[in-house]
Amino acid sequence: MKKAADTRPFWQTTPLSKMTPSQWESLCDGCGKCCLVKLRDADTNEVLFTNIACKQLDLRSCRCKDYENRKEIVPDCVQLSPRNLGRIDWLPETCAYKLVHRGEDLPWWHPLISGTQKTVHQAGISVKRRAISETRAGEPEDHLVDWAS
């Protein structure tokens, strides 16, 4: 007897390390939170988020202006991978990579669930209309926020 095909979505059946590049990239919900400037408290090691976005983040779409060349333009840009995901402690709780890594499902507003990029903004998850470019910001300490974690 033939075994029934698994109809669950790829993020529920495929380990992060076995995903194709296309599958991996599609997990990004486009919230832009990983592109915010973060500070680390020297005493507590706590990660503090600001509303200051990398100069390469398009604040309307919440996507990188030049994703393919981001490491050349912003050398300290962190490229997520299955290998470094577990060591990165500054991803927001809503991050799909983090959720899938922990064995959790994607929320209703994630584009892979909703079928549209608009829902991440409609749900108030993205940095859209809440962030400013680092080219216009002053001191990061003056821009701390609690909505980005």
N, C-alpha and C. Protein backbone atom coordinates (compact mmCIF):
# COMPACT_ATOMS: atom_id res chain seq x y z
N MET A 1 0.84 -1.18 0.00
CA MET A 1 0.00 0.00 0.00
C MET A 1 0.89 1.24 0.00
N LYS A 2 0.53 2.19 -0.84
CA LYS A 2 1.30 3.42 -0.98
C LYS A 2 1.05 4.35 0.21
N LYS A 3 2.13 4.92 0.73
CA LYS A 3 2.04 5.84 1.86
C LYS A 3 1.52 7.19 1.37
N ALA A 4 0.61 7.80 2.12
CA ALA A 4 0.06 9.10 1.75
C ALA A 4 1.13 10.18 1.83
N ALA A 5 1.08 11.10 0.90
CA ALA A 5 2.05 12.20 0.88
C ALA A 5 1.81 13.13 2.07
N ASP A 6 2.89 13.63 2.61
CA ASP A 6 2.81 14.59 3.71
C ASP A 6 2.43 15.94 3.13
N THR A 7 1.29 16.47 3.52
CA THR A 7 0.79 17.72 2.96
C THR A 7 1.10 18.93 3.84
N ARG A 8 1.86 18.70 4.90
CA ARG A 8 2.22 19.83 5.76
C ARG A 8 3.18 20.76 5.01
N PRO A 9 3.19 22.04 5.37
CA PRO A 9 4.10 22.98 4.69
C PRO A 9 5.56 22.66 4.98
N PHE A 10 6.43 23.10 4.10
CA PHE A 10 7.85 22.74 4.18
C PHE A 10 8.49 23.12 5.52
N TRP A 11 8.10 24.22 6.12
CA TRP A 11 8.74 24.64 7.37
C TRP A 11 8.39 23.72 8.54
N GLN A 12 7.37 22.88 8.36
CA GLN A 12 7.01 21.89 9.38
C GLN A 12 7.65 20.53 9.12
N THR A 13 8.15 20.33 7.93
CA THR A 13 8.68 19.01 7.57
C THR A 13 10.18 19.00 7.24
N THR A 14 10.72 20.17 6.92
CA THR A 14 12.11 20.25 6.48
C THR A 14 12.96 20.95 7.54
N PRO A 15 14.00 20.30 8.03
CA PRO A 15 14.89 20.98 8.97
C PRO A 15 15.50 22.23 8.32
N LEU A 16 15.75 23.25 9.10
CA LEU A 16 16.34 24.49 8.56
C LEU A 16 17.60 24.20 7.75
N SER A 17 18.42 23.28 8.23
CA SER A 17 19.68 22.97 7.55
C SER A 17 19.49 22.26 6.21
N LYS A 18 18.30 21.74 5.95
CA LYS A 18 18.03 21.02 4.70
C LYS A 18 17.18 21.83 3.73
N MET A 19 16.79 23.04 4.12
CA MET A 19 15.97 23.87 3.24
C MET A 19 16.76 24.34 2.04
N THR A 20 16.06 24.50 0.93
CA THR A 20 16.68 25.10 -0.25
C THR A 20 16.87 26.59 0.03
N PRO A 21 17.74 27.25 -0.71
CA PRO A 21 17.89 28.70 -0.53
C PRO A 21 16.55 29.44 -0.67
N SER A 22 15.73 29.01 -1.59
CA SER A 22 14.43 29.65 -1.80
C SER A 22 13.52 29.46 -0.58
N GLN A 23 13.48 28.26 -0.04
CA GLN A 23 12.68 28.01 1.16
C GLN A 23 13.19 28.86 2.33
N TRP A 24 14.51 28.86 2.52
CA TRP A 24 15.12 29.63 3.60
C TRP A 24 14.73 31.11 3.50
N GLU A 25 14.92 31.68 2.33
CA GLU A 25 14.63 33.10 2.14
C GLU A 25 13.14 33.41 2.32
N SER A 26 12.27 32.48 1.96
CA SER A 26 10.84 32.73 2.08
C SER A 26 10.38 32.76 3.54
N LEU A 27 11.19 32.26 4.45
CA LEU A 27 10.84 32.34 5.87
C LEU A 27 10.89 33.76 6.40
N CYS A 28 11.69 34.62 5.77
CA CYS A 28 11.77 36.01 6.22
C CYS A 28 10.41 36.66 6.00
N ASP A 29 9.85 37.22 7.08
CA ASP A 29 8.53 37.84 6.97
C ASP A 29 8.58 39.29 6.52
N GLY A 30 9.78 39.87 6.43
CA GLY A 30 9.90 41.24 5.98
C GLY A 30 9.55 42.27 7.04
N CYS A 31 9.74 41.91 8.31
CA CYS A 31 9.39 42.86 9.38
C CYS A 31 10.44 43.96 9.51
N GLY A 32 11.69 43.68 9.16
CA GLY A 32 12.76 44.66 9.25
C GLY A 32 13.38 44.80 10.63
N LYS A 33 12.90 44.08 11.61
CA LYS A 33 13.41 44.23 12.98
C LYS A 33 14.87 43.81 13.11
N CYS A 34 15.30 42.85 12.32
CA CYS A 34 16.69 42.43 12.41
C CYS A 34 17.63 43.50 11.86
N CYS A 35 17.09 44.47 11.13
CA CYS A 35 17.89 45.55 10.55
C CYS A 35 17.92 46.80 11.43
N LEU A 36 17.37 46.70 12.63
CA LEU A 36 17.42 47.82 13.56
C LEU A 36 18.74 47.80 14.33
N VAL A 37 19.21 48.98 14.68
CA VAL A 37 20.40 49.09 15.52
C VAL A 37 20.04 48.59 16.91
N LYS A 38 20.91 47.74 17.43
CA LYS A 38 20.70 47.17 18.76
C LYS A 38 21.90 47.53 19.63
N LEU A 39 21.63 47.73 20.90
CA LEU A 39 22.69 48.01 21.87
C LEU A 39 22.71 46.87 22.87
N ARG A 40 23.86 46.64 23.46
CA ARG A 40 23.97 45.60 24.48
C ARG A 40 24.41 46.25 25.79
N ASP A 41 23.61 46.05 26.83
CA ASP A 41 23.94 46.60 28.14
C ASP A 41 25.19 45.91 28.66
N ALA A 42 26.21 46.68 28.96
CA ALA A 42 27.50 46.13 29.40
C ALA A 42 27.39 45.39 30.72
N ASP A 43 26.47 45.81 31.59
CA ASP A 43 26.33 45.18 32.91
C ASP A 43 25.47 43.92 32.88
N THR A 44 24.37 43.97 32.14
CA THR A 44 23.42 42.85 32.17
C THR A 44 23.50 41.95 30.93
N ASN A 45 24.17 42.41 29.87
CA ASN A 45 24.26 41.71 28.59
C ASN A 45 22.91 41.71 27.85
N GLU A 46 21.95 42.47 28.35
CA GLU A 46 20.63 42.56 27.73
C GLU A 46 20.73 43.28 26.39
N VAL A 47 19.97 42.79 25.40
CA VAL A 47 19.92 43.43 24.09
C VAL A 47 18.81 44.48 24.14
N LEU A 48 19.16 45.70 23.74
CA LEU A 48 18.21 46.81 23.73
C LEU A 48 18.00 47.23 22.28
N PHE A 49 16.74 47.29 21.87
CA PHE A 49 16.42 47.68 20.49
C PHE A 49 16.20 49.18 20.40
N THR A 50 16.57 49.71 19.24
CA THR A 50 16.27 51.10 18.93
C THR A 50 15.32 51.13 17.74
N ASN A 51 14.83 52.30 17.41
CA ASN A 51 14.01 52.44 16.20
C ASN A 51 14.85 52.95 15.03
N ILE A 52 16.16 52.79 15.15
CA ILE A 52 17.08 53.23 14.10
C ILE A 52 17.34 52.05 13.15
N ALA A 53 17.04 52.27 11.88
CA ALA A 53 17.21 51.21 10.88
C ALA A 53 18.50 51.41 10.10
N CYS A 54 19.07 50.31 9.70
CA CYS A 54 20.22 50.32 8.81
C CYS A 54 19.91 51.20 7.60
N LYS A 55 20.92 51.90 7.12
CA LYS A 55 20.73 52.80 5.98
C LYS A 55 20.27 52.05 4.73
N GLN A 56 20.47 50.75 4.68
CA GLN A 56 20.07 49.95 3.52
C GLN A 56 18.63 49.45 3.60
N LEU A 57 17.95 49.67 4.72
CA LEU A 57 16.58 49.20 4.84
C LEU A 57 15.62 50.21 4.21
N ASP A 58 14.84 49.74 3.26
CA ASP A 58 13.79 50.57 2.67
C ASP A 58 12.66 50.63 3.70
N LEU A 59 12.41 51.80 4.24
CA LEU A 59 11.45 51.93 5.33
C LEU A 59 9.99 51.79 4.89
N ARG A 60 9.73 51.78 3.59
CA ARG A 60 8.36 51.54 3.10
C ARG A 60 8.08 50.05 2.93
N SER A 61 9.03 49.33 2.36
CA SER A 61 8.82 47.90 2.11
C SER A 61 9.38 47.03 3.23
N CYS A 62 10.26 47.60 4.07
CA CYS A 62 10.96 46.86 5.13
C CYS A 62 11.85 45.75 4.55
N ARG A 63 12.40 46.01 3.40
CA ARG A 63 13.34 45.09 2.74
C ARG A 63 14.64 45.82 2.45
N CYS A 64 15.71 45.06 2.35
CA CYS A 64 17.02 45.63 2.06
C CYS A 64 17.02 46.22 0.65
N LYS A 65 17.63 47.38 0.51
CA LYS A 65 17.69 48.05 -0.79
C LYS A 65 18.58 47.30 -1.78
N ASP A 66 19.56 46.59 -1.29
CA ASP A 66 20.47 45.83 -2.15
C ASP A 66 20.88 44.56 -1.43
N TYR A 67 19.93 43.65 -1.30
CA TYR A 67 20.11 42.42 -0.51
C TYR A 67 21.31 41.61 -0.97
N GLU A 68 21.49 41.47 -2.26
CA GLU A 68 22.57 40.65 -2.80
C GLU A 68 23.96 41.17 -2.42
N ASN A 69 24.09 42.48 -2.28
CA ASN A 69 25.39 43.09 -2.01
C ASN A 69 25.49 43.68 -0.61
N ARG A 70 24.59 43.30 0.28
CA ARG A 70 24.52 43.93 1.60
C ARG A 70 25.80 43.81 2.42
N LYS A 71 26.49 42.70 2.31
CA LYS A 71 27.72 42.51 3.09
C LYS A 71 28.85 43.44 2.61
N GLU A 72 28.86 43.78 1.35
CA GLU A 72 29.86 44.70 0.83
C GLU A 72 29.53 46.14 1.25
N ILE A 73 28.24 46.46 1.28
CA ILE A 73 27.80 47.81 1.61
C ILE A 73 27.85 48.05 3.12
N VAL A 74 27.41 47.05 3.88
CA VAL A 74 27.39 47.12 5.35
C VAL A 74 28.16 45.90 5.86
N PRO A 75 29.48 46.03 6.04
CA PRO A 75 30.31 44.88 6.40
C PRO A 75 29.89 44.14 7.67
N ASP A 76 29.29 44.84 8.62
CA ASP A 76 28.89 44.15 9.86
C ASP A 76 27.46 43.60 9.80
N CYS A 77 26.85 43.61 8.63
CA CYS A 77 25.53 42.99 8.46
C CYS A 77 25.66 41.49 8.75
N VAL A 78 24.79 40.98 9.58
CA VAL A 78 24.84 39.56 9.94
C VAL A 78 23.95 38.78 8.99
N GLN A 79 24.53 37.81 8.33
CA GLN A 79 23.77 36.95 7.42
C GLN A 79 23.33 35.71 8.19
N LEU A 80 22.02 35.58 8.38
CA LEU A 80 21.50 34.43 9.10
C LEU A 80 21.72 33.16 8.31
N SER A 81 22.01 32.09 9.04
CA SER A 81 22.14 30.77 8.42
C SER A 81 21.73 29.73 9.45
N PRO A 82 21.45 28.52 9.01
CA PRO A 82 21.13 27.47 9.99
C PRO A 82 22.25 27.27 11.01
N ARG A 83 23.49 27.54 10.59
CA ARG A 83 24.64 27.35 11.49
C ARG A 83 24.73 28.39 12.60
N ASN A 84 24.42 29.65 12.29
CA ASN A 84 24.59 30.69 13.31
C ASN A 84 23.29 31.07 14.02
N LEU A 85 22.18 30.56 13.56
CA LEU A 85 20.88 30.93 14.12
C LEU A 85 20.78 30.72 15.63
N GLY A 86 21.27 29.61 16.12
CA GLY A 86 21.18 29.31 17.54
C GLY A 86 22.07 30.19 18.42
N ARG A 87 23.03 30.86 17.82
CA ARG A 87 23.94 31.73 18.59
C ARG A 87 23.52 33.19 18.59
N ILE A 88 22.53 33.54 17.80
CA ILE A 88 22.11 34.93 17.69
C ILE A 88 20.98 35.18 18.69
N ASP A 89 21.24 36.06 19.65
CA ASP A 89 20.26 36.28 20.71
C ASP A 89 19.44 37.55 20.54
N TRP A 90 19.59 38.23 19.42
CA TRP A 90 18.88 39.50 19.23
C TRP A 90 17.74 39.44 18.22
N LEU A 91 17.42 38.26 17.73
CA LEU A 91 16.26 38.17 16.84
C LEU A 91 14.99 38.37 17.64
N PRO A 92 14.01 39.07 17.07
CA PRO A 92 12.77 39.28 17.81
C PRO A 92 12.01 37.97 18.02
N GLU A 93 11.18 37.94 19.02
CA GLU A 93 10.39 36.73 19.33
C GLU A 93 9.49 36.31 18.17
N THR A 94 9.13 37.26 17.31
CA THR A 94 8.23 36.98 16.19
C THR A 94 8.96 36.44 14.96
N CYS A 95 10.28 36.38 14.98
CA CYS A 95 11.06 35.97 13.82
C CYS A 95 10.75 34.52 13.42
N ALA A 96 10.42 34.33 12.15
CA ALA A 96 10.07 32.99 11.66
C ALA A 96 11.24 32.02 11.79
N TYR A 97 12.45 32.48 11.58
CA TYR A 97 13.61 31.60 11.72
C TYR A 97 13.69 31.08 13.15
N LYS A 98 13.48 31.97 14.09
CA LYS A 98 13.52 31.60 15.50
C LYS A 98 12.36 30.66 15.84
N LEU A 99 11.17 30.97 15.35
CA LEU A 99 10.00 30.13 15.62
C LEU A 99 10.20 28.71 15.08
N VAL A 100 10.62 28.61 13.83
CA VAL A 100 10.81 27.29 13.21
C VAL A 100 11.94 26.54 13.91
N HIS A 101 13.00 27.24 14.28
CA HIS A 101 14.12 26.63 15.01
C HIS A 101 13.64 26.00 16.32
N ARG A 102 12.65 26.64 16.97
CA ARG A 102 12.10 26.13 18.24
C ARG A 102 10.96 25.13 18.02
N GLY A 103 10.64 24.82 16.76
CA GLY A 103 9.58 23.86 16.48
C GLY A 103 8.18 24.44 16.54
N GLU A 104 8.08 25.76 16.51
CA GLU A 104 6.78 26.42 16.55
C GLU A 104 6.30 26.73 15.14
N ASP A 105 5.00 27.00 15.01
CA ASP A 105 4.44 27.30 13.69
C ASP A 105 4.48 28.80 13.42
N LEU A 106 4.24 29.16 12.19
CA LEU A 106 4.22 30.55 11.79
C LEU A 106 2.89 31.19 12.17
N PRO A 107 2.90 32.48 12.52
CA PRO A 107 1.65 33.18 12.87
C PRO A 107 0.81 33.50 11.64
N TRP A 108 -0.44 33.86 11.87
CA TRP A 108 -1.40 34.12 10.78
C TRP A 108 -0.94 35.21 9.83
N TRP A 109 -0.18 36.18 10.32
CA TRP A 109 0.21 37.31 9.50
C TRP A 109 1.45 37.06 8.64
N HIS A 110 2.11 35.92 8.85
CA HIS A 110 3.31 35.62 8.06
C HIS A 110 2.89 35.44 6.59
N PRO A 111 3.65 36.02 5.66
CA PRO A 111 3.28 35.92 4.24
C PRO A 111 3.10 34.49 3.72
N LEU A 112 3.82 33.52 4.27
CA LEU A 112 3.62 32.13 3.83
C LEU A 112 2.26 31.59 4.26
N ILE A 113 1.68 32.16 5.30
CA ILE A 113 0.36 31.74 5.76
C ILE A 113 -0.73 32.59 5.09
N SER A 114 -0.54 33.91 5.12
CA SER A 114 -1.56 34.83 4.62
C SER A 114 -1.58 34.95 3.10
N GLY A 115 -0.45 34.67 2.46
CA GLY A 115 -0.36 34.80 1.01
C GLY A 115 -0.02 36.20 0.54
N THR A 116 0.24 37.12 1.46
CA THR A 116 0.58 38.49 1.08
C THR A 116 1.58 39.11 2.05
N GLN A 117 2.44 39.97 1.51
CA GLN A 117 3.41 40.69 2.35
C GLN A 117 2.74 41.75 3.22
N LYS A 118 1.53 42.13 2.87
CA LYS A 118 0.85 43.22 3.57
C LYS A 118 0.51 42.90 5.02
N THR A 119 0.25 41.63 5.32
CA THR A 119 -0.24 41.30 6.66
C THR A 119 0.77 41.55 7.77
N VAL A 120 2.06 41.44 7.47
CA VAL A 120 3.07 41.71 8.50
C VAL A 120 3.00 43.19 8.92
N HIS A 121 2.65 44.05 7.98
CA HIS A 121 2.50 45.47 8.29
C HIS A 121 1.14 45.74 8.95
N GLN A 122 0.10 45.11 8.41
CA GLN A 122 -1.25 45.30 8.96
C GLN A 122 -1.33 44.83 10.41
N ALA A 123 -0.58 43.80 10.76
CA ALA A 123 -0.60 43.27 12.12
C ALA A 123 0.26 44.10 13.08
N GLY A 124 0.98 45.08 12.54
CA GLY A 124 1.82 45.92 13.38
C GLY A 124 3.11 45.26 13.81
N ILE A 125 3.54 44.27 13.08
CA ILE A 125 4.75 43.53 13.43
C ILE A 125 6.00 44.21 12.85
N SER A 126 5.86 44.85 11.71
CA SER A 126 7.02 45.42 11.03
C SER A 126 7.44 46.77 11.60
N VAL A 127 8.57 47.25 11.10
CA VAL A 127 9.10 48.55 11.51
C VAL A 127 8.51 49.69 10.67
N LYS A 128 7.66 49.35 9.74
CA LYS A 128 7.05 50.35 8.86
C LYS A 128 6.37 51.44 9.68
N ARG A 129 6.69 52.69 9.36
CA ARG A 129 6.17 53.88 10.04
C ARG A 129 6.62 54.01 11.49
N ARG A 130 7.57 53.19 11.92
CA ARG A 130 8.05 53.25 13.30
C ARG A 130 9.55 53.43 13.40
N ALA A 131 10.25 53.29 12.29
CA ALA A 131 11.71 53.38 12.32
C ALA A 131 12.19 54.59 11.52
N ILE A 132 13.40 55.00 11.83
CA ILE A 132 14.05 56.07 11.07
C ILE A 132 15.39 55.54 10.58
N SER A 133 15.88 56.12 9.51
CA SER A 133 17.16 55.68 8.95
C SER A 133 18.31 56.15 9.83
N GLU A 134 19.33 55.34 9.88
CA GLU A 134 20.52 55.71 10.65
C GLU A 134 21.17 56.98 10.11
N THR A 135 20.87 57.34 8.87
CA THR A 135 21.43 58.56 8.29
C THR A 135 20.79 59.81 8.89
N ARG A 136 19.63 59.66 9.54
CA ARG A 136 18.92 60.79 10.14
C ARG A 136 18.90 60.75 11.66
N ALA A 137 19.35 59.68 12.24
CA ALA A 137 19.25 59.49 13.69
C ALA A 137 20.41 60.14 14.43
N GLY A 138 20.17 60.45 15.66
CA GLY A 138 21.23 60.96 16.53
C GLY A 138 21.83 59.80 17.31
N GLU A 139 21.97 59.98 18.59
CA GLU A 139 22.56 58.96 19.46
C GLU A 139 21.58 57.79 19.63
N PRO A 140 22.06 56.57 19.46
CA PRO A 140 21.19 55.40 19.61
C PRO A 140 20.49 55.33 20.98
N GLU A 141 21.16 55.78 22.02
CA GLU A 141 20.58 55.74 23.36
C GLU A 141 19.29 56.57 23.45
N ASP A 142 19.14 57.53 22.54
CA ASP A 142 17.94 58.38 22.53
C ASP A 142 16.80 57.74 21.75
N HIS A 143 17.01 56.56 21.21
CA HIS A 143 16.02 55.93 20.34
C HIS A 143 15.62 54.53 20.81
N LEU A 144 15.76 54.23 22.08
CA LEU A 144 15.39 52.90 22.59
C LEU A 144 13.89 52.69 22.49
N VAL A 145 13.49 51.47 22.11
CA VAL A 145 12.07 51.11 22.01
C VAL A 145 11.85 49.74 22.62
N ASP A 146 10.63 49.46 23.01
CA ASP A 146 10.32 48.14 23.56
C ASP A 146 9.44 47.32 22.62
N TRP A 147 9.04 47.85 21.49
CA TRP A 147 8.17 47.13 20.57
C TRP A 147 8.91 46.22 19.60
N ALA A 148 10.20 46.32 19.53
CA ALA A 148 10.95 45.58 18.50
C ALA A 148 11.40 44.20 18.92
N SER A 149 11.36 43.91 20.21
CA SER A 149 11.87 42.61 20.65
C SER A 149 10.78 41.57 20.55
